[in-house]
Amino acid sequence: MLSKSNKKLVYLLQFFVLILVLSACNQYEKTYYDDGKLKEKYQINKEKEKDGAYLRYHANGTLAEETNYQNGVQDGVRKIFTESGDLEFTSTYSDGKLNGPRKVYFPTGKLRVDSNYKDDQLIGTFYKYYENGNLQEEVTFVDGAENGPFVEYYDNGVVKWKGNYLNGDNEFGLLEHFDVTGKLIKKMQCDSTRMCITIWKEDQDIKKG
């Protein structure tokens, strides 16, 4: 068994180790609103860069933002909240850029937008929803611009428009329009100048001009 003097020495060593560990950890910084309420709370490293958890608050005291930094740049999931505490959107960062999923929510908590980013640019399929949960729109993105098939829906889930985009919000090729029951009512042909010509309409044959 340790003698009293040895126990005291062990306690002193443990205390100094704890002090060293705490001094090596990142420090917390805080900012405040004019009325003295907490506005921001975040960790900084020895170079005074944000490094670790970051929290921002609304003037009413509710959490406004929760994210993370690594050596001064955003890294990880970022969450934004409304003043009433509802989650507004989440996004994912890597090396200070949007990289990964970004989701936007209705005040009810239901998903409104589901998208993906790479180096701050939209990629893949972009989904937008009605508050009832039905899909409102799905669009293909390449390098941050609409390129490829898209579909728009009525709030009952029936297809409204179907076609393709080229280099942005420009319809290109065959564009089809449907009524709320899903019946095809019009076909259009769109060129690269954003001009669309009706080539077929319900109960009417239209020759391509």
Foldseek 3Di string as FASTA:
>chain_A
DDDPVVVVVVVVVVVVVVVVVVVQDWDWDWDADPVRHTAKIFTAHPVRAGAFWIWGADPVGETAKTFGDHRRATAAKIWGADNVGATAKIFGDDRRFTAFWIWGADSVRHTAKIFGDDRNATAAWIWGADPVGATAKIFGDDRRATFFWMWGADNVNATAKIAGDDRHPAGAAWIWGADNVNHTAWIWHAHPVSDIDTQDGPPDGRHDD
